[in-house]
Amino acid sequence: MERVMSELIREFSKDKSLELHLVLYGITREIFYDVPQNVKIHTPEFTFDNNKRLLYTFKTLLFLRKKLKSIQPATILSFGEIWNNFVLLATIGLHVPVFVSDRCQPNKSLGKLHDWLRNKLYPRAKGVIAQTEQGKQIFKAMYSNPNIEVIGNPIRLIESGEGRQNIVLSVGRLIDSKHHDELIKLFAKINKPDWKLIIVGDDAIKQQNKIKLQQLIHELGVEDTIELAGKRNDVEAFYAKSKIFAFTSSSEGFPNVIGEAQSAGLATVAFDCVSGPSDMINDGENGFLIPLFDYAEFQKKLEILMKNEELRNKMGKAAASDINRFSSEAIAAQFLKFILN
């Protein structure tokens, strides 16, 4: 979500007729990605005290409402399911158009409270942005908002590297829904000592999976062929030196990492989960789409790519060509057209 917002605002900033404000109001307010100098950044002056969560949630709500009244924006773009509810609450009565975009599986429950808030608040939004056609159909059934637009994520185009190595790459947070444990198991079954599996990503949302995964790697005796690379800001280098991208996630909104891998010329094996992979992968042409949780088929297709260099290269070239439609420039233009109209 943060990466997509940073890509969009970088493209927006090229239009000097626009005045851009970025309001950060989460608990940490960390700026991990570069933000252009002509973007005005706003954060609360107070530190969020999670021990007094209800109180500081209201303080943050008041901060956001006051800040938006001060900025008087022509339009507001909000990302994130829970965050969208927050923005729509903060802007009640301000008569400012708010456009919201969910960033995870579109029909994923957020709990009774937030599901109820979404049902009440999303119809008040000026527009809803779905990341996929499948997502749009789900939104149409869930919310009575007639203005739903399908706009994919901007994909950073990464140059294909020279001197690729026998590496199967996976990128993503070490959370349960990514199923890295199953990927590790099936890679161990393939048992090709001349190949390596590298997983880039770190623990998130209070799931301490890194230790469990490291223990699994030790128990399987595959320390020499499977590496947990952790959180990295040089992920482009991993795309450039790898040959295959493997993605075992079962819940997505629009997986940017598949697009980035494709732009780097990697053939991809991914589960056909809700939603996103089917919008990016043409099965058998630029990668393989696997029925959800069919790990035997996943392993089979991964082995095929590991053995067949000609097929890898053919799929990789097709992937790099297909993904251009999701360039940052093209997607940012679609966003601006929708939220400024």
C-alpha atoms as a PDB file:
ATOM      1  CA  MET A   1       0.000   0.000   0.000  1.00  0.00           C
ATOM      2  CA  GLU A   2       2.778   2.442   0.930  1.00  0.00           C
ATOM      3  CA  ARG A   3       4.778   1.559  -2.157  1.00  0.00           C
ATOM      4  CA  VAL A   4       1.795   2.149  -4.442  1.00  0.00           C
ATOM      5  CA  MET A   5       1.042   5.498  -2.817  1.00  0.00           C
ATOM      6  CA  SER A   6       4.687   6.534  -3.169  1.00  0.00           C
ATOM      7  CA  GLU A   7       4.692   5.590  -6.865  1.00  0.00           C
ATOM      8  CA  LEU A   8       1.489   7.538  -7.499  1.00  0.00           C
ATOM      9  CA  ILE A   9       2.573  10.664  -5.657  1.00  0.00           C
ATOM     10  CA  ARG A  10       5.908  10.612  -7.477  1.00  0.00           C
ATOM     11  CA  GLU A  11       4.051  10.655 -10.797  1.00  0.00           C
ATOM     12  CA  PHE A  12       1.500  13.236  -9.565  1.00  0.00           C
ATOM     13  CA  SER A  13       4.361  15.524  -8.513  1.00  0.00           C
ATOM     14  CA  LYS A  14       5.496  15.867 -12.139  1.00  0.00           C
ATOM     15  CA  ASP A  15       2.387  17.970 -12.818  1.00  0.00           C
ATOM     16  CA  LYS A  16       3.413  21.357 -11.414  1.00  0.00           C
ATOM     17  CA  SER A  17      -0.180  22.620 -11.583  1.00  0.00           C
ATOM     18  CA  LEU A  18      -1.091  20.304  -8.708  1.00  0.00           C
ATOM     19  CA  GLU A  19      -0.634  21.119  -5.022  1.00  0.00           C
ATOM     20  CA  LEU A  20      -0.029  17.815  -3.252  1.00  0.00           C
ATOM     21  CA  HIS A  21      -0.456  17.019   0.437  1.00  0.00           C
ATOM     22  CA  LEU A  22       0.398  13.707   2.082  1.00  0.00           C
ATOM     23  CA  VAL A  23      -1.247  13.192   5.476  1.00  0.00           C
ATOM     24  CA  LEU A  24       0.310  10.439   7.598  1.00  0.00           C
ATOM     25  CA  TYR A  25      -1.654   9.577  10.712  1.00  0.00           C
ATOM     26  CA  GLY A  26      -0.851   5.937  11.540  1.00  0.00           C
ATOM     27  CA  ILE A  27       0.830   4.748  14.710  1.00  0.00           C
ATOM     28  CA  THR A  28       4.443   4.942  13.453  1.00  0.00           C
ATOM     29  CA  ARG A  29       4.174   7.481  10.568  1.00  0.00           C
ATOM     30  CA  GLU A  30       7.351   6.069   9.088  1.00  0.00           C
ATOM     31  CA  ILE A  31       8.386   7.306   5.631  1.00  0.00           C
ATOM     32  CA  PHE A  32      10.152   4.322   4.058  1.00  0.00           C
ATOM     33  CA  TYR A  33       9.900   5.364   0.400  1.00  0.00           C
ATOM     34  CA  ASP A  34      11.170   8.622  -1.058  1.00  0.00           C
ATOM     35  CA  VAL A  35       8.638  11.453  -1.301  1.00  0.00           C
ATOM     36  CA  PRO A  36       9.179  14.297  -3.822  1.00  0.00           C
ATOM     37  CA  GLN A  37      10.203  17.633  -2.306  1.00  0.00           C
ATOM     38  CA  ASN A  38       7.195  19.481  -3.697  1.00  0.00           C
ATOM     39  CA  VAL A  39       4.822  17.288  -1.642  1.00  0.00           C
ATOM     40  CA  LYS A  40       3.743  18.769   1.688  1.00  0.00           C
ATOM     41  CA  ILE A  41       3.791  16.164   4.458  1.00  0.00           C
ATOM     42  CA  HIS A  42       1.552  16.441   7.525  1.00  0.00           C
ATOM     43  CA  THR A  43       1.745  14.322  10.688  1.00  0.00           C
ATOM     44  CA  PRO A  44       0.191  14.675  14.161  1.00  0.00           C
ATOM     45  CA  GLU A  45       2.334  16.483  16.705  1.00  0.00           C
ATOM     46  CA  PHE A  46       1.556  13.861  19.353  1.00  0.00           C
ATOM     47  CA  THR A  47       2.883  10.306  19.661  1.00  0.00           C
ATOM     48  CA  PHE A  48       0.208   7.627  19.462  1.00  0.00           C
ATOM     49  CA  ASP A  49      -0.067   5.856  22.831  1.00  0.00           C
ATOM     50  CA  ASN A  50      -1.284   2.345  22.073  1.00  0.00           C
ATOM     51  CA  ASN A  51      -1.979   1.753  25.768  1.00  0.00           C
ATOM     52  CA  LYS A  52      -4.716   4.389  25.451  1.00  0.00           C
ATOM     53  CA  ARG A  53      -5.857   3.275  22.029  1.00  0.00           C
ATOM     54  CA  LEU A  54      -9.437   4.579  22.146  1.00  0.00           C
ATOM     55  CA  LEU A  55      -8.411   8.029  23.373  1.00  0.00           C
ATOM     56  CA  TYR A  56      -5.639   8.411  20.805  1.00  0.00           C
ATOM     57  CA  THR A  57      -7.857   7.095  18.027  1.00  0.00           C
ATOM     58  CA  PHE A  58     -10.257   9.971  18.729  1.00  0.00           C
ATOM     59  CA  LYS A  59      -7.326  12.412  18.929  1.00  0.00           C
ATOM     60  CA  THR A  60      -6.124  11.195  15.544  1.00  0.00           C
ATOM     61  CA  LEU A  61      -9.623  11.495  14.091  1.00  0.00           C
ATOM     62  CA  LEU A  62      -9.841  15.104  15.262  1.00  0.00           C
ATOM     63  CA  PHE A  63      -6.347  15.825  13.915  1.00  0.00           C
ATOM     64  CA  LEU A  64      -7.285  14.463  10.497  1.00  0.00           C
ATOM     65  CA  ARG A  65     -10.548  16.403  10.330  1.00  0.00           C
ATOM     66  CA  LYS A  66      -8.866  19.649  11.415  1.00  0.00           C
ATOM     67  CA  LYS A  67      -5.975  19.174   8.990  1.00  0.00           C
ATOM     68  CA  LEU A  68      -8.280  18.487   6.026  1.00  0.00           C
ATOM     69  CA  LYS A  69     -10.375  21.553   6.845  1.00  0.00           C
ATOM     70  CA  SER A  70      -7.154  23.572   6.864  1.00  0.00           C
ATOM     71  CA  ILE A  71      -5.867  22.184   3.549  1.00  0.00           C
ATOM     72  CA  GLN A  72      -9.281  22.475   1.814  1.00  0.00           C
ATOM     73  CA  PRO A  73      -8.413  19.876  -0.827  1.00  0.00           C
ATOM     74  CA  ALA A  74     -10.185  19.612  -4.151  1.00  0.00           C
ATOM     75  CA  THR A  75     -10.144  15.823  -3.787  1.00  0.00           C
ATOM     76  CA  ILE A  76      -8.985  13.171  -1.316  1.00  0.00           C
ATOM     77  CA  LEU A  77      -7.506   9.781  -2.165  1.00  0.00           C
ATOM     78  CA  SER A  78      -7.505   7.238   0.667  1.00  0.00           C
ATOM     79  CA  PHE A  79      -5.901   3.791   0.711  1.00  0.00           C
ATOM     80  CA  GLY A  80      -6.594   0.883   3.023  1.00  0.00           C
ATOM     81  CA  GLU A  81      -9.749  -0.775   4.316  1.00  0.00           C
ATOM     82  CA  ILE A  82      -9.723   0.354   7.959  1.00  0.00           C
ATOM     83  CA  TRP A  83      -8.083   3.667   7.011  1.00  0.00           C
ATOM     84  CA  ASN A  84     -10.825   4.386   4.482  1.00  0.00           C
ATOM     85  CA  ASN A  85     -13.452   4.080   7.196  1.00  0.00           C
ATOM     86  CA  PHE A  86     -11.397   6.504   9.281  1.00  0.00           C
ATOM     87  CA  VAL A  87     -11.149   9.098   6.495  1.00  0.00           C
ATOM     88  CA  LEU A  88     -14.844   8.851   5.636  1.00  0.00           C
ATOM     89  CA  LEU A  89     -15.728   9.374   9.304  1.00  0.00           C
ATOM     90  CA  ALA A  90     -13.359  12.348   9.586  1.00  0.00           C
ATOM     91  CA  THR A  91     -14.843  14.063   6.529  1.00  0.00           C
ATOM     92  CA  ILE A  92     -18.553  13.793   7.372  1.00  0.00           C
ATOM     93  CA  GLY A  93     -20.097  17.186   6.657  1.00  0.00           C
ATOM     94  CA  LEU A  94     -16.967  18.660   4.999  1.00  0.00           C
ATOM     95  CA  HIS A  95     -18.371  18.300   1.452  1.00  0.00           C
ATOM     96  CA  VAL A  96     -15.028  17.138   0.052  1.00  0.00           C
ATOM     97  CA  PRO A  97     -15.020  14.313  -2.519  1.00  0.00           C
ATOM     98  CA  VAL A  98     -13.338  11.226  -1.041  1.00  0.00           C
ATOM     99  CA  PHE A  99     -12.169   8.363  -3.246  1.00  0.00           C
ATOM    100  CA  VAL A 100     -11.341   5.104  -1.471  1.00  0.00           C
ATOM    101  CA  SER A 101      -9.431   2.015  -2.489  1.00  0.00           C
ATOM    102  CA  ASP A 102      -9.211  -1.265  -0.610  1.00  0.00           C
ATOM    103  CA  ARG A 103      -5.802  -2.888  -0.895  1.00  0.00           C
ATOM    104  CA  CYS A 104      -6.413  -6.496   0.149  1.00  0.00           C
ATOM    105  CA  GLN A 105      -8.779  -9.294  -0.871  1.00  0.00           C
ATOM    106  CA  PRO A 106     -11.976  -7.319  -1.618  1.00  0.00           C
ATOM    107  CA  ASN A 107     -14.382  -9.614   0.230  1.00  0.00           C
ATOM    108  CA  LYS A 108     -12.134 -10.178   3.233  1.00  0.00           C
ATOM    109  CA  SER A 109     -13.876  -9.597   6.565  1.00  0.00           C
ATOM    110  CA  LEU A 110     -12.305  -6.964   8.811  1.00  0.00           C
ATOM    111  CA  GLY A 111     -14.423  -7.924  11.805  1.00  0.00           C
ATOM    112  CA  LYS A 112     -18.000  -6.991  12.685  1.00  0.00           C
ATOM    113  CA  LEU A 113     -17.287  -3.331  13.510  1.00  0.00           C
ATOM    114  CA  HIS A 114     -15.289  -2.449  10.401  1.00  0.00           C
ATOM    115  CA  ASP A 115     -17.500  -4.528   8.098  1.00  0.00           C
ATOM    116  CA  TRP A 116     -20.503  -2.588   9.437  1.00  0.00           C
ATOM    117  CA  LEU A 117     -18.657   0.733   9.003  1.00  0.00           C
ATOM    118  CA  ARG A 118     -17.742  -0.099   5.418  1.00  0.00           C
ATOM    119  CA  ASN A 119     -21.350  -0.964   4.573  1.00  0.00           C
ATOM    120  CA  LYS A 120     -22.494   2.368   6.042  1.00  0.00           C
ATOM    121  CA  LEU A 121     -19.645   4.618   4.861  1.00  0.00           C
ATOM    122  CA  TYR A 122     -18.567   3.358   1.421  1.00  0.00           C
ATOM    123  CA  PRO A 123     -21.836   4.475  -0.233  1.00  0.00           C
ATOM    124  CA  ARG A 124     -20.909   8.017   0.946  1.00  0.00           C
ATOM    125  CA  ALA A 125     -17.614   7.949  -0.966  1.00  0.00           C
ATOM    126  CA  LYS A 126     -17.450   9.925  -4.209  1.00  0.00           C
ATOM    127  CA  GLY A 127     -15.909   6.886  -5.851  1.00  0.00           C
ATOM    128  CA  VAL A 128     -14.494   3.446  -5.098  1.00  0.00           C
ATOM    129  CA  ILE A 129     -11.368   2.115  -6.803  1.00  0.00           C
ATOM    130  CA  ALA A 130     -11.169  -1.642  -7.353  1.00  0.00           C
ATOM    131  CA  GLN A 131      -7.827  -3.138  -8.278  1.00  0.00           C
ATOM    132  CA  THR A 132      -9.261  -5.900 -10.487  1.00  0.00           C
ATOM    133  CA  GLU A 133     -12.405  -6.712 -12.471  1.00  0.00           C
ATOM    134  CA  GLN A 134     -13.138  -9.477  -9.984  1.00  0.00           C
ATOM    135  CA  GLY A 135     -12.807  -6.937  -7.188  1.00  0.00           C
ATOM    136  CA  LYS A 136     -15.269  -4.604  -8.927  1.00  0.00           C
ATOM    137  CA  GLN A 137     -17.921  -7.314  -9.142  1.00  0.00           C
ATOM    138  CA  ILE A 138     -17.449  -8.103  -5.451  1.00  0.00           C
ATOM    139  CA  PHE A 139     -17.758  -4.408  -4.529  1.00  0.00           C
ATOM    140  CA  LYS A 140     -20.914  -4.020  -6.638  1.00  0.00           C
ATOM    141  CA  ALA A 141     -22.513  -6.837  -4.654  1.00  0.00           C
ATOM    142  CA  MET A 142     -21.318  -5.471  -1.294  1.00  0.00           C
ATOM    143  CA  TYR A 143     -21.877  -1.709  -1.555  1.00  0.00           C
ATOM    144  CA  SER A 144     -24.514   0.520  -3.107  1.00  0.00           C
ATOM    145  CA  ASN A 145     -21.968   2.871  -4.651  1.00  0.00           C
ATOM    146  CA  PRO A 146     -22.523   3.306  -8.418  1.00  0.00           C
ATOM    147  CA  ASN A 147     -19.136   4.900  -9.106  1.00  0.00           C
ATOM    148  CA  ILE A 148     -16.644   2.019  -9.085  1.00  0.00           C
ATOM    149  CA  GLU A 149     -13.568   2.156 -11.301  1.00  0.00           C
ATOM    150  CA  VAL A 150     -11.042  -0.607 -11.983  1.00  0.00           C
ATOM    151  CA  ILE A 151      -7.467   0.678 -11.755  1.00  0.00           C
ATOM    152  CA  GLY A 152      -4.558  -1.695 -11.222  1.00  0.00           C
ATOM    153  CA  ASN A 153      -1.460  -0.913  -9.241  1.00  0.00           C
ATOM    154  CA  PRO A 154       1.474   1.001 -10.692  1.00  0.00           C
ATOM    155  CA  ILE A 155       4.315  -1.431 -11.188  1.00  0.00           C
ATOM    156  CA  ARG A 156       7.910  -0.325 -10.881  1.00  0.00           C
ATOM    157  CA  LEU A 157       9.575  -1.449 -14.073  1.00  0.00           C
ATOM    158  CA  ILE A 158      12.775  -3.270 -13.183  1.00  0.00           C
ATOM    159  CA  GLU A 159      15.485  -3.918 -15.723  1.00  0.00           C
ATOM    160  CA  SER A 160      16.242  -7.527 -16.518  1.00  0.00           C
ATOM    161  CA  GLY A 161      19.610  -8.524 -15.083  1.00  0.00           C
ATOM    162  CA  GLU A 162      22.637 -10.154 -16.638  1.00  0.00           C
ATOM    163  CA  GLY A 163      24.227 -13.344 -15.354  1.00  0.00           C
ATOM    164  CA  ARG A 164      21.133 -14.788 -13.720  1.00  0.00           C
ATOM    165  CA  GLN A 165      21.600 -17.539 -11.152  1.00  0.00           C
ATOM    166  CA  ASN A 166      19.573 -20.669 -10.407  1.00  0.00           C
ATOM    167  CA  ILE A 167      17.345 -18.853  -7.926  1.00  0.00           C
ATOM    168  CA  VAL A 168      13.636 -19.231  -7.243  1.00  0.00           C
ATOM    169  CA  LEU A 169      12.565 -15.956  -5.633  1.00  0.00           C
ATOM    170  CA  SER A 170       9.587 -15.137  -3.414  1.00  0.00           C
ATOM    171  CA  VAL A 171       8.867 -11.675  -2.004  1.00  0.00           C
ATOM    172  CA  GLY A 172       6.318 -10.865   0.686  1.00  0.00           C
ATOM    173  CA  ARG A 173       5.680 -10.342   4.367  1.00  0.00           C
ATOM    174  CA  LEU A 174       6.208 -13.437   6.498  1.00  0.00           C
ATOM    175  CA  ILE A 175       2.526 -13.813   7.366  1.00  0.00           C
ATOM    176  CA  ASP A 176       0.336 -16.907   7.434  1.00  0.00           C
ATOM    177  CA  SER A 177      -1.609 -16.097   4.245  1.00  0.00           C
ATOM    178  CA  LYS A 178       1.604 -16.156   2.177  1.00  0.00           C
ATOM    179  CA  HIS A 179       2.190 -19.846   3.092  1.00  0.00           C
ATOM    180  CA  HIS A 180       5.971 -19.631   2.974  1.00  0.00           C
ATOM    181  CA  ASP A 181       6.143 -22.811   5.057  1.00  0.00           C
ATOM    182  CA  GLU A 182       4.461 -24.794   2.274  1.00  0.00           C
ATOM    183  CA  LEU A 183       6.732 -23.213  -0.333  1.00  0.00           C
ATOM    184  CA  ILE A 184       9.752 -24.280   1.709  1.00  0.00           C
ATOM    185  CA  LYS A 185       8.422 -27.838   2.002  1.00  0.00           C
ATOM    186  CA  LEU A 186       7.703 -28.283  -1.697  1.00  0.00           C
ATOM    187  CA  PHE A 187      11.042 -26.766  -2.692  1.00  0.00           C
ATOM    188  CA  ALA A 188      12.773 -29.196  -0.346  1.00  0.00           C
ATOM    189  CA  LYS A 189      10.903 -32.077  -2.050  1.00  0.00           C
ATOM    190  CA  ILE A 190      12.143 -30.966  -5.467  1.00  0.00           C
ATOM    191  CA  ASN A 191      15.657 -31.530  -4.101  1.00  0.00           C
ATOM    192  CA  LYS A 192      17.825 -29.780  -6.659  1.00  0.00           C
ATOM    193  CA  PRO A 193      21.085 -28.813  -4.900  1.00  0.00           C
ATOM    194  CA  ASP A 194      22.113 -26.576  -7.806  1.00  0.00           C
ATOM    195  CA  TRP A 195      19.056 -24.351  -7.219  1.00  0.00           C
ATOM    196  CA  LYS A 196      18.298 -21.983  -4.355  1.00  0.00           C
ATOM    197  CA  LEU A 197      15.072 -20.558  -2.898  1.00  0.00           C
ATOM    198  CA  ILE A 198      15.339 -17.005  -1.546  1.00  0.00           C
ATOM    199  CA  ILE A 199      12.456 -15.446   0.410  1.00  0.00           C
ATOM    200  CA  VAL A 200      12.628 -11.661   0.821  1.00  0.00           C
ATOM    201  CA  GLY A 201      10.427 -10.237   3.573  1.00  0.00           C
ATOM    202  CA  ASP A 202      10.100  -9.914   7.330  1.00  0.00           C
ATOM    203  CA  ASP A 203       7.654 -10.493  10.172  1.00  0.00           C
ATOM    204  CA  ALA A 204       4.477  -8.383  10.150  1.00  0.00           C
ATOM    205  CA  ILE A 205       1.084  -7.881  11.853  1.00  0.00           C
ATOM    206  CA  LYS A 206       2.348  -9.478  15.083  1.00  0.00           C
ATOM    207  CA  GLN A 207       2.918 -12.860  13.444  1.00  0.00           C
ATOM    208  CA  GLN A 208       6.361 -14.046  14.489  1.00  0.00           C
ATOM    209  CA  ASN A 209       6.897 -16.461  11.614  1.00  0.00           C
ATOM    210  CA  LYS A 210      10.563 -15.878  10.817  1.00  0.00           C
ATOM    211  CA  ILE A 211      11.775 -18.033  13.695  1.00  0.00           C
ATOM    212  CA  LYS A 212       9.299 -20.794  12.764  1.00  0.00           C
ATOM    213  CA  LEU A 213      10.394 -20.751   9.139  1.00  0.00           C
ATOM    214  CA  GLN A 214      14.065 -20.817  10.074  1.00  0.00           C
ATOM    215  CA  GLN A 215      13.389 -23.795  12.333  1.00  0.00           C
ATOM    216  CA  LEU A 216      11.543 -25.567   9.493  1.00  0.00           C
ATOM    217  CA  ILE A 217      14.490 -24.995   7.174  1.00  0.00           C
ATOM    218  CA  HIS A 218      16.795 -26.505   9.819  1.00  0.00           C
ATOM    219  CA  GLU A 219      14.532 -29.523  10.400  1.00  0.00           C
ATOM    220  CA  LEU A 220      14.418 -30.240   6.657  1.00  0.00           C
ATOM    221  CA  GLY A 221      18.204 -29.886   6.394  1.00  0.00           C
ATOM    222  CA  VAL A 222      18.038 -27.343   3.568  1.00  0.00           C
ATOM    223  CA  GLU A 223      20.044 -24.462   5.059  1.00  0.00           C
ATOM    224  CA  ASP A 224      22.345 -24.530   2.019  1.00  0.00           C
ATOM    225  CA  THR A 225      19.537 -24.124  -0.531  1.00  0.00           C
ATOM    226  CA  ILE A 226      16.898 -21.958   1.212  1.00  0.00           C
ATOM    227  CA  GLU A 227      17.577 -18.430   2.491  1.00  0.00           C
ATOM    228  CA  LEU A 228      15.398 -15.989   4.426  1.00  0.00           C
ATOM    229  CA  ALA A 229      16.777 -12.643   3.247  1.00  0.00           C
ATOM    230  CA  GLY A 230      14.678 -10.485   5.607  1.00  0.00           C
ATOM    231  CA  LYS A 231      13.503  -6.926   4.968  1.00  0.00           C
ATOM    232  CA  ARG A 232      15.497  -5.370   2.127  1.00  0.00           C
ATOM    233  CA  ASN A 233      15.503  -2.046   0.313  1.00  0.00           C
ATOM    234  CA  ASP A 234      17.490  -3.533  -2.591  1.00  0.00           C
ATOM    235  CA  VAL A 235      14.856  -6.050  -3.713  1.00  0.00           C
ATOM    236  CA  GLU A 236      15.501  -5.041  -7.342  1.00  0.00           C
ATOM    237  CA  ALA A 237      18.848  -6.827  -7.143  1.00  0.00           C
ATOM    238  CA  PHE A 238      17.080 -10.066  -6.194  1.00  0.00           C
ATOM    239  CA  TYR A 239      14.666  -9.792  -9.131  1.00  0.00           C
ATOM    240  CA  ALA A 240      17.592  -9.133 -11.461  1.00  0.00           C
ATOM    241  CA  LYS A 241      19.613 -12.199 -10.468  1.00  0.00           C
ATOM    242  CA  SER A 242      16.766 -14.735 -10.162  1.00  0.00           C
ATOM    243  CA  LYS A 243      15.234 -16.981 -12.838  1.00  0.00           C
ATOM    244  CA  ILE A 244      11.772 -17.850 -11.448  1.00  0.00           C
ATOM    245  CA  PHE A 245       9.250 -16.140  -9.160  1.00  0.00           C
ATOM    246  CA  ALA A 246       7.129 -18.297  -6.826  1.00  0.00           C
ATOM    247  CA  PHE A 247       4.080 -16.896  -5.025  1.00  0.00           C
ATOM    248  CA  THR A 248       2.023 -19.099  -2.690  1.00  0.00           C
ATOM    249  CA  SER A 249      -0.221 -16.368  -1.251  1.00  0.00           C
ATOM    250  CA  SER A 250      -3.902 -17.254  -0.799  1.00  0.00           C
ATOM    251  CA  SER A 251      -5.280 -13.736  -0.243  1.00  0.00           C
ATOM    252  CA  GLU A 252      -4.429 -10.643  -2.279  1.00  0.00           C
ATOM    253  CA  GLY A 253      -5.818  -7.376  -3.559  1.00  0.00           C
ATOM    254  CA  PHE A 254      -3.305  -6.805  -6.327  1.00  0.00           C
ATOM    255  CA  PRO A 255       0.154  -8.327  -5.722  1.00  0.00           C
ATOM    256  CA  ASN A 256       2.709  -5.774  -6.868  1.00  0.00           C
ATOM    257  CA  VAL A 257       5.526  -8.245  -6.386  1.00  0.00           C
ATOM    258  CA  ILE A 258       4.200 -10.401  -9.240  1.00  0.00           C
ATOM    259  CA  GLY A 259       4.230  -7.358 -11.521  1.00  0.00           C
ATOM    260  CA  GLU A 260       7.730  -6.373 -10.454  1.00  0.00           C
ATOM    261  CA  ALA A 261       8.968  -9.919 -11.057  1.00  0.00           C
ATOM    262  CA  GLN A 262       7.334  -9.931 -14.495  1.00  0.00           C
ATOM    263  CA  SER A 263       8.869  -6.574 -15.397  1.00  0.00           C
ATOM    264  CA  ALA A 264      12.269  -8.081 -14.574  1.00  0.00           C
ATOM    265  CA  GLY A 265      11.559 -10.913 -17.013  1.00  0.00           C
ATOM    266  CA  LEU A 266      10.741 -13.688 -14.545  1.00  0.00           C
ATOM    267  CA  ALA A 267       8.306 -16.486 -15.310  1.00  0.00           C
ATOM    268  CA  THR A 268       5.920 -16.784 -12.360  1.00  0.00           C
ATOM    269  CA  VAL A 269       4.155 -19.637 -10.604  1.00  0.00           C
ATOM    270  CA  ALA A 270       1.286 -18.365  -8.424  1.00  0.00           C
ATOM    271  CA  PHE A 271      -1.974 -19.481  -6.863  1.00  0.00           C
ATOM    272  CA  ASP A 272      -5.106 -18.220  -8.588  1.00  0.00           C
ATOM    273  CA  CYS A 273      -6.320 -16.516  -5.418  1.00  0.00           C
ATOM    274  CA  VAL A 274      -8.808 -13.671  -4.907  1.00  0.00           C
ATOM    275  CA  SER A 275      -7.721 -11.373  -6.395  1.00  0.00           C
ATOM    276  CA  GLY A 276      -4.991 -10.088  -8.733  1.00  0.00           C
ATOM    277  CA  PRO A 277      -2.852 -12.932 -10.109  1.00  0.00           C
ATOM    278  CA  SER A 278      -5.363 -13.778 -12.866  1.00  0.00           C
ATOM    279  CA  ASP A 279      -5.269 -10.132 -14.038  1.00  0.00           C
ATOM    280  CA  MET A 280      -1.504 -10.379 -14.514  1.00  0.00           C
ATOM    281  CA  ILE A 281      -0.738 -13.990 -15.425  1.00  0.00           C
ATOM    282  CA  ASN A 282      -1.971 -15.613 -18.631  1.00  0.00           C
ATOM    283  CA  ASP A 283      -1.694 -19.281 -17.701  1.00  0.00           C
ATOM    284  CA  GLY A 284       0.815 -21.098 -19.868  1.00  0.00           C
ATOM    285  CA  GLU A 285       1.925 -17.923 -21.655  1.00  0.00           C
ATOM    286  CA  ASN A 286       3.805 -15.695 -19.185  1.00  0.00           C
ATOM    287  CA  GLY A 287       3.600 -18.001 -16.169  1.00  0.00           C
ATOM    288  CA  PHE A 288       1.465 -20.612 -14.467  1.00  0.00           C
ATOM    289  CA  LEU A 289      -1.756 -20.064 -12.472  1.00  0.00           C
ATOM    290  CA  ILE A 290      -2.320 -22.869  -9.965  1.00  0.00           C
ATOM    291  CA  PRO A 291      -5.674 -23.805  -8.355  1.00  0.00           C
ATOM    292  CA  LEU A 292      -5.675 -22.518  -4.799  1.00  0.00           C
ATOM    293  CA  PHE A 293      -3.852 -24.790  -2.327  1.00  0.00           C
ATOM    294  CA  ASP A 294      -2.953 -27.394  -4.960  1.00  0.00           C
ATOM    295  CA  TYR A 295       0.639 -27.686  -3.755  1.00  0.00           C
ATOM    296  CA  ALA A 296       1.293 -30.824  -5.815  1.00  0.00           C
ATOM    297  CA  GLU A 297       0.467 -28.939  -9.021  1.00  0.00           C
ATOM    298  CA  PHE A 298       2.467 -25.944  -7.819  1.00  0.00           C
ATOM    299  CA  GLN A 299       5.486 -28.170  -7.278  1.00  0.00           C
ATOM    300  CA  LYS A 300       5.011 -29.796 -10.682  1.00  0.00           C
ATOM    301  CA  LYS A 301       4.899 -26.493 -12.569  1.00  0.00           C
ATOM    302  CA  LEU A 302       7.832 -25.094 -10.588  1.00  0.00           C
ATOM    303  CA  GLU A 303       9.910 -28.147 -11.498  1.00  0.00           C
ATOM    304  CA  ILE A 304       8.996 -27.737 -15.166  1.00  0.00           C
ATOM    305  CA  LEU A 305      10.337 -24.176 -15.165  1.00  0.00           C
ATOM    306  CA  MET A 306      13.475 -25.171 -13.270  1.00  0.00           C
ATOM    307  CA  LYS A 307      14.254 -27.843 -15.877  1.00  0.00           C
ATOM    308  CA  ASN A 308      13.221 -25.984 -19.050  1.00  0.00           C
ATOM    309  CA  GLU A 309      15.372 -22.922 -19.777  1.00  0.00           C
ATOM    310  CA  GLU A 310      13.725 -22.289 -23.154  1.00  0.00           C
ATOM    311  CA  LEU A 311      10.252 -22.161 -21.573  1.00  0.00           C
ATOM    312  CA  ARG A 312      11.508 -19.904 -18.751  1.00  0.00           C
ATOM    313  CA  ASN A 313      12.958 -17.435 -21.194  1.00  0.00           C
ATOM    314  CA  LYS A 314       9.861 -17.468 -23.425  1.00  0.00           C
ATOM    315  CA  MET A 315       7.543 -16.821 -20.487  1.00  0.00           C
ATOM    316  CA  GLY A 316       9.867 -14.213 -19.003  1.00  0.00           C
ATOM    317  CA  LYS A 317       9.921 -12.189 -22.238  1.00  0.00           C
ATOM    318  CA  ALA A 318       6.122 -12.367 -22.525  1.00  0.00           C
ATOM    319  CA  ALA A 319       5.764 -11.261 -18.893  1.00  0.00           C
ATOM    320  CA  ALA A 320       8.050  -8.252 -19.354  1.00  0.00           C
ATOM    321  CA  SER A 321       6.068  -7.169 -22.407  1.00  0.00           C
ATOM    322  CA  ASP A 322       2.615  -7.673 -20.877  1.00  0.00           C
ATOM    323  CA  ILE A 323       3.292  -5.761 -17.657  1.00  0.00           C
ATOM    324  CA  ASN A 324       3.947  -2.436 -19.418  1.00  0.00           C
ATOM    325  CA  ARG A 325       0.226  -1.650 -19.231  1.00  0.00           C
ATOM    326  CA  PHE A 326       0.704  -1.222 -15.465  1.00  0.00           C
ATOM    327  CA  SER A 327       3.533   1.318 -15.707  1.00  0.00           C
ATOM    328  CA  SER A 328       3.516   4.001 -13.001  1.00  0.00           C
ATOM    329  CA  GLU A 329       2.895   6.726 -15.582  1.00  0.00           C
ATOM    330  CA  ALA A 330      -0.130   4.975 -17.099  1.00  0.00           C
ATOM    331  CA  ILE A 331      -1.744   4.047 -13.780  1.00  0.00           C
ATOM    332  CA  ALA A 332      -1.161   7.488 -12.233  1.00  0.00           C
ATOM    333  CA  ALA A 333      -2.910   9.077 -15.220  1.00  0.00           C
ATOM    334  CA  GLN A 334      -5.928   6.821 -14.649  1.00  0.00           C
ATOM    335  CA  PHE A 335      -6.047   7.762 -10.975  1.00  0.00           C
ATOM    336  CA  LEU A 336      -5.864  11.486 -11.699  1.00  0.00           C
ATOM    337  CA  LYS A 337      -8.560  11.284 -14.341  1.00  0.00           C
ATOM    338  CA  PHE A 338     -10.897   9.489 -11.932  1.00  0.00           C
ATOM    339  CA  ILE A 339     -10.360  11.540  -8.767  1.00  0.00           C
ATOM    340  CA  LEU A 340     -10.227  14.959 -10.461  1.00  0.00           C
ATOM    341  CA  ASN A 341     -13.390  14.417 -12.479  1.00  0.00           C
END
